[in-house]
Amino acid sequence: MKRTRWIEREFDFNLPAGIFPCLIERLRGTPARLEEIVRLLSPEILATRDGDAWSIQEHVGHLFDLDELHEGRLEDYDKGASVLRAADMSNRRTYEANHNAASMPELLARFRAARRSFVRRLEEMDEAAAARTAIHPRLQKPMRVIDMALFVAEHDDHHLASITELSRILATP
């Protein structure tokens, strides 16, 4: 089944505040899920592209690259910004980072540390902080902190699915 491209995804942000702890757990679990997917793959498979699509290592590096954006958006909420900072939709940072030259354990450790920081900040929020709202620049709709947590978790899963799909393609003789 062909997956919808990330930039084509649409979101309805209507989750109740009581879901926030579940989303935090989902975000906390992404590094472990990622490690489980890649643990038995060879370095050759990890760094191989399928055409122009990113390699598995590039997907992992991209998740690490974006946690800086997520932390920045939390700063936007803290400052009362009306619009969240925009993502670089060209993904220049990921393309320029040369994640294929890094070791997978190094990429995983970087991502785990960045995600730990992001999750810690979310855990420190009370219900009022999690309900703060700003406009998401691409979606052009209000996004609460809880909605951003869902957005990040969905983005994580989008890349985990891409990694799984790519590992199947590359591991098939």
C-alpha atoms as a PDB file:
ATOM      1  CA  MET A   1       0.000   0.000   0.000  1.00  0.00           C
ATOM      2  CA  LYS A   2       1.357   3.386  -0.922  1.00  0.00           C
ATOM      3  CA  ARG A   3       1.601   5.715   2.071  1.00  0.00           C
ATOM      4  CA  THR A   4       0.519   9.329   1.942  1.00  0.00           C
ATOM      5  CA  ARG A   5       3.427  11.737   1.709  1.00  0.00           C
ATOM      6  CA  TRP A   6       4.029  13.631   4.950  1.00  0.00           C
ATOM      7  CA  ILE A   7       3.340  17.048   3.480  1.00  0.00           C
ATOM      8  CA  GLU A   8      -0.015  15.801   2.161  1.00  0.00           C
ATOM      9  CA  ARG A   9      -1.221  14.723   5.615  1.00  0.00           C
ATOM     10  CA  GLU A  10      -4.099  16.601   7.170  1.00  0.00           C
ATOM     11  CA  PHE A  11      -4.776  16.862  10.870  1.00  0.00           C
ATOM     12  CA  ASP A  12      -7.803  17.531  13.031  1.00  0.00           C
ATOM     13  CA  PHE A  13      -6.549  18.768  16.358  1.00  0.00           C
ATOM     14  CA  ASN A  14      -9.322  17.836  18.736  1.00  0.00           C
ATOM     15  CA  LEU A  15      -7.819  15.461  21.274  1.00  0.00           C
ATOM     16  CA  PRO A  16      -8.884  15.885  24.884  1.00  0.00           C
ATOM     17  CA  ALA A  17      -6.215  17.144  27.290  1.00  0.00           C
ATOM     18  CA  GLY A  18      -6.266  13.795  29.115  1.00  0.00           C
ATOM     19  CA  ILE A  19      -4.492  12.173  26.144  1.00  0.00           C
ATOM     20  CA  PHE A  20      -1.350  14.275  26.665  1.00  0.00           C
ATOM     21  CA  PRO A  21       0.383  11.735  28.984  1.00  0.00           C
ATOM     22  CA  CYS A  22      -0.190   8.997  26.378  1.00  0.00           C
ATOM     23  CA  LEU A  23       1.365  11.130  23.659  1.00  0.00           C
ATOM     24  CA  ILE A  24       4.371  11.816  25.866  1.00  0.00           C
ATOM     25  CA  GLU A  25       4.830   8.057  26.315  1.00  0.00           C
ATOM     26  CA  ARG A  26       4.588   7.538  22.576  1.00  0.00           C
ATOM     27  CA  LEU A  27       7.273  10.178  22.000  1.00  0.00           C
ATOM     28  CA  ARG A  28       9.469   8.710  24.743  1.00  0.00           C
ATOM     29  CA  GLY A  29       9.226   5.302  23.085  1.00  0.00           C
ATOM     30  CA  THR A  30      10.326   6.323  19.599  1.00  0.00           C
ATOM     31  CA  PRO A  31      14.071   5.808  20.222  1.00  0.00           C
ATOM     32  CA  ALA A  32      13.467   2.272  21.536  1.00  0.00           C
ATOM     33  CA  ARG A  33      11.183   1.424  18.618  1.00  0.00           C
ATOM     34  CA  LEU A  34      13.768   2.799  16.223  1.00  0.00           C
ATOM     35  CA  GLU A  35      16.555   0.784  17.825  1.00  0.00           C
ATOM     36  CA  GLU A  36      14.469  -2.380  17.554  1.00  0.00           C
ATOM     37  CA  ILE A  37      13.862  -1.846  13.833  1.00  0.00           C
ATOM     38  CA  VAL A  38      17.525  -1.263  12.921  1.00  0.00           C
ATOM     39  CA  ARG A  39      19.367  -3.529  15.371  1.00  0.00           C
ATOM     40  CA  LEU A  40      19.856  -6.482  13.022  1.00  0.00           C
ATOM     41  CA  LEU A  41      20.458  -4.561   9.816  1.00  0.00           C
ATOM     42  CA  SER A  42      23.911  -4.485   8.288  1.00  0.00           C
ATOM     43  CA  PRO A  43      25.812  -1.201   7.876  1.00  0.00           C
ATOM     44  CA  GLU A  44      25.442  -1.610   4.109  1.00  0.00           C
ATOM     45  CA  ILE A  45      21.658  -1.779   4.302  1.00  0.00           C
ATOM     46  CA  LEU A  46      21.522   1.098   6.794  1.00  0.00           C
ATOM     47  CA  ALA A  47      23.377   3.449   4.436  1.00  0.00           C
ATOM     48  CA  THR A  48      21.807   2.350   1.133  1.00  0.00           C
ATOM     49  CA  ARG A  49      19.334   4.541  -0.696  1.00  0.00           C
ATOM     50  CA  ASP A  50      16.490   3.231  -2.815  1.00  0.00           C
ATOM     51  CA  GLY A  51      16.735   5.592  -5.744  1.00  0.00           C
ATOM     52  CA  ASP A  52      16.498   9.187  -4.522  1.00  0.00           C
ATOM     53  CA  ALA A  53      14.818   8.231  -1.247  1.00  0.00           C
ATOM     54  CA  TRP A  54      16.753   8.640   1.986  1.00  0.00           C
ATOM     55  CA  SER A  55      18.675   5.743   3.460  1.00  0.00           C
ATOM     56  CA  ILE A  56      17.660   4.339   6.840  1.00  0.00           C
ATOM     57  CA  GLN A  57      20.484   6.300   8.467  1.00  0.00           C
ATOM     58  CA  GLU A  58      19.274   9.481   6.821  1.00  0.00           C
ATOM     59  CA  HIS A  59      15.774   8.876   8.192  1.00  0.00           C
ATOM     60  CA  VAL A  60      17.233   8.404  11.680  1.00  0.00           C
ATOM     61  CA  GLY A  61      19.362  11.521  11.288  1.00  0.00           C
ATOM     62  CA  HIS A  62      16.319  13.464  10.082  1.00  0.00           C
ATOM     63  CA  LEU A  63      14.413  12.578  13.260  1.00  0.00           C
ATOM     64  CA  PHE A  64      17.362  13.879  15.282  1.00  0.00           C
ATOM     65  CA  ASP A  65      17.603  17.010  13.125  1.00  0.00           C
ATOM     66  CA  LEU A  66      13.958  17.873  13.735  1.00  0.00           C
ATOM     67  CA  ASP A  67      14.006  17.596  17.509  1.00  0.00           C
ATOM     68  CA  GLU A  68      15.722  21.005  17.505  1.00  0.00           C
ATOM     69  CA  LEU A  69      12.662  22.392  15.681  1.00  0.00           C
ATOM     70  CA  HIS A  70      10.338  20.772  18.227  1.00  0.00           C
ATOM     71  CA  GLU A  71      12.278  22.299  21.127  1.00  0.00           C
ATOM     72  CA  GLY A  72      12.203  25.649  19.326  1.00  0.00           C
ATOM     73  CA  ARG A  73       8.465  25.447  18.961  1.00  0.00           C
ATOM     74  CA  LEU A  74       8.155  24.853  22.698  1.00  0.00           C
ATOM     75  CA  GLU A  75      10.113  28.111  23.099  1.00  0.00           C
ATOM     76  CA  ASP A  76       7.618  29.762  20.744  1.00  0.00           C
ATOM     77  CA  TYR A  77       4.767  28.654  23.003  1.00  0.00           C
ATOM     78  CA  ASP A  78       6.679  29.848  26.083  1.00  0.00           C
ATOM     79  CA  LYS A  79       7.102  33.304  24.501  1.00  0.00           C
ATOM     80  CA  GLY A  80       3.444  33.514  23.524  1.00  0.00           C
ATOM     81  CA  ALA A  81       4.178  33.570  19.780  1.00  0.00           C
ATOM     82  CA  SER A  82       1.077  33.708  17.610  1.00  0.00           C
ATOM     83  CA  VAL A  83       2.734  31.615  14.875  1.00  0.00           C
ATOM     84  CA  LEU A  84       5.161  28.743  15.400  1.00  0.00           C
ATOM     85  CA  ARG A  85       8.520  28.781  13.670  1.00  0.00           C
ATOM     86  CA  ALA A  86       8.440  27.123  10.259  1.00  0.00           C
ATOM     87  CA  ALA A  87      10.172  23.904   9.335  1.00  0.00           C
ATOM     88  CA  ASP A  88      12.651  23.943   6.462  1.00  0.00           C
ATOM     89  CA  MET A  89      10.547  21.972   3.997  1.00  0.00           C
ATOM     90  CA  SER A  90      13.595  21.414   1.778  1.00  0.00           C
ATOM     91  CA  ASN A  91      15.184  19.425   4.639  1.00  0.00           C
ATOM     92  CA  ARG A  92      18.517  21.055   3.821  1.00  0.00           C
ATOM     93  CA  ARG A  93      19.968  20.174   7.231  1.00  0.00           C
ATOM     94  CA  THR A  94      19.345  16.465   6.704  1.00  0.00           C
ATOM     95  CA  TYR A  95      20.748  16.507   3.175  1.00  0.00           C
ATOM     96  CA  GLU A  96      23.871  18.397   4.270  1.00  0.00           C
ATOM     97  CA  ALA A  97      24.505  16.406   7.457  1.00  0.00           C
ATOM     98  CA  ASN A  98      25.932  13.337   5.698  1.00  0.00           C
ATOM     99  CA  HIS A  99      24.262  11.013   8.207  1.00  0.00           C
ATOM    100  CA  ASN A 100      25.479   8.022   6.198  1.00  0.00           C
ATOM    101  CA  ALA A 101      29.041   8.806   7.335  1.00  0.00           C
ATOM    102  CA  ALA A 102      28.070   8.481  11.010  1.00  0.00           C
ATOM    103  CA  SER A 103      27.710   5.171  12.801  1.00  0.00           C
ATOM    104  CA  MET A 104      24.203   3.994  13.565  1.00  0.00           C
ATOM    105  CA  PRO A 105      24.942   3.758  17.315  1.00  0.00           C
ATOM    106  CA  GLU A 106      26.083   7.403  17.228  1.00  0.00           C
ATOM    107  CA  LEU A 107      22.928   8.522  15.381  1.00  0.00           C
ATOM    108  CA  LEU A 108      20.708   6.585  17.772  1.00  0.00           C
ATOM    109  CA  ALA A 109      22.476   8.049  20.819  1.00  0.00           C
ATOM    110  CA  ARG A 110      22.087  11.601  19.467  1.00  0.00           C
ATOM    111  CA  PHE A 111      18.420  11.068  18.781  1.00  0.00           C
ATOM    112  CA  ARG A 112      17.795   9.458  22.172  1.00  0.00           C
ATOM    113  CA  ALA A 113      19.456  12.404  23.970  1.00  0.00           C
ATOM    114  CA  ALA A 114      17.545  15.007  21.946  1.00  0.00           C
ATOM    115  CA  ARG A 115      14.254  13.214  22.430  1.00  0.00           C
ATOM    116  CA  ARG A 116      14.890  12.834  26.166  1.00  0.00           C
ATOM    117  CA  SER A 117      15.264  16.613  26.412  1.00  0.00           C
ATOM    118  CA  PHE A 118      12.078  17.242  24.425  1.00  0.00           C
ATOM    119  CA  VAL A 119      10.056  14.741  26.466  1.00  0.00           C
ATOM    120  CA  ARG A 120      11.366  16.182  29.726  1.00  0.00           C
ATOM    121  CA  ARG A 121      10.075  19.620  28.746  1.00  0.00           C
ATOM    122  CA  LEU A 122       6.665  18.194  27.861  1.00  0.00           C
ATOM    123  CA  GLU A 123       6.492  16.308  31.170  1.00  0.00           C
ATOM    124  CA  GLU A 124       7.095  19.536  33.096  1.00  0.00           C
ATOM    125  CA  MET A 125       3.969  21.155  31.635  1.00  0.00           C
ATOM    126  CA  ASP A 126       0.717  21.480  33.480  1.00  0.00           C
ATOM    127  CA  GLU A 127      -2.640  21.318  31.720  1.00  0.00           C
ATOM    128  CA  ALA A 128      -2.707  25.076  31.056  1.00  0.00           C
ATOM    129  CA  ALA A 129       0.744  24.993  29.440  1.00  0.00           C
ATOM    130  CA  ALA A 130      -0.203  22.010  27.272  1.00  0.00           C
ATOM    131  CA  ALA A 131      -3.283  23.914  26.087  1.00  0.00           C
ATOM    132  CA  ARG A 132      -1.366  26.971  24.799  1.00  0.00           C
ATOM    133  CA  THR A 133      -2.067  27.635  21.131  1.00  0.00           C
ATOM    134  CA  ALA A 134      -0.223  29.072  18.130  1.00  0.00           C
ATOM    135  CA  ILE A 135      -0.729  28.801  14.383  1.00  0.00           C
ATOM    136  CA  HIS A 136       1.172  26.044  12.617  1.00  0.00           C
ATOM    137  CA  PRO A 137       2.781  27.821   9.622  1.00  0.00           C
ATOM    138  CA  ARG A 138       2.273  25.101   6.997  1.00  0.00           C
ATOM    139  CA  LEU A 139      -1.102  23.811   8.122  1.00  0.00           C
ATOM    140  CA  GLN A 140      -2.399  27.329   8.826  1.00  0.00           C
ATOM    141  CA  LYS A 141      -4.455  26.185  11.770  1.00  0.00           C
ATOM    142  CA  PRO A 142      -4.241  26.584  15.524  1.00  0.00           C
ATOM    143  CA  MET A 143      -2.081  23.979  17.227  1.00  0.00           C
ATOM    144  CA  ARG A 144      -1.991  23.422  20.981  1.00  0.00           C
ATOM    145  CA  VAL A 145       1.100  21.923  22.605  1.00  0.00           C
ATOM    146  CA  ILE A 146      -0.808  18.633  22.885  1.00  0.00           C
ATOM    147  CA  ASP A 147      -1.495  18.840  19.139  1.00  0.00           C
ATOM    148  CA  MET A 148       2.181  19.440  18.459  1.00  0.00           C
ATOM    149  CA  ALA A 149       2.979  16.320  20.493  1.00  0.00           C
ATOM    150  CA  LEU A 150       0.568  14.353  18.300  1.00  0.00           C
ATOM    151  CA  PHE A 151       2.064  15.914  15.165  1.00  0.00           C
ATOM    152  CA  VAL A 152       5.596  14.910  16.227  1.00  0.00           C
ATOM    153  CA  ALA A 153       4.481  11.380  17.162  1.00  0.00           C
ATOM    154  CA  GLU A 154       2.780  10.988  13.779  1.00  0.00           C
ATOM    155  CA  HIS A 155       5.906  12.292  12.046  1.00  0.00           C
ATOM    156  CA  ASP A 156       7.992   9.768  14.001  1.00  0.00           C
ATOM    157  CA  ASP A 157       5.681   6.956  12.899  1.00  0.00           C
ATOM    158  CA  HIS A 158       5.801   8.160   9.294  1.00  0.00           C
ATOM    159  CA  HIS A 159       9.581   7.748   9.317  1.00  0.00           C
ATOM    160  CA  LEU A 160       9.507   4.474  11.263  1.00  0.00           C
ATOM    161  CA  ALA A 161       7.180   3.090   8.583  1.00  0.00           C
ATOM    162  CA  SER A 162       9.528   4.371   5.869  1.00  0.00           C
ATOM    163  CA  ILE A 163      12.470   2.689   7.602  1.00  0.00           C
ATOM    164  CA  THR A 164      10.593  -0.599   7.941  1.00  0.00           C
ATOM    165  CA  GLU A 165       9.534  -0.489   4.307  1.00  0.00           C
ATOM    166  CA  LEU A 166      13.057   0.323   3.136  1.00  0.00           C
ATOM    167  CA  SER A 167      14.581  -2.437   5.275  1.00  0.00           C
ATOM    168  CA  ARG A 168      12.222  -4.956   3.676  1.00  0.00           C
ATOM    169  CA  ILE A 169      13.057  -3.759   0.171  1.00  0.00           C
ATOM    170  CA  LEU A 170      16.820  -3.809   0.763  1.00  0.00           C
ATOM    171  CA  ALA A 171      16.880  -7.104   2.681  1.00  0.00           C
ATOM    172  CA  THR A 172      14.979  -8.970  -0.031  1.00  0.00           C
ATOM    173  CA  PRO A 173      17.409 -10.835  -2.295  1.00  0.00           C
END
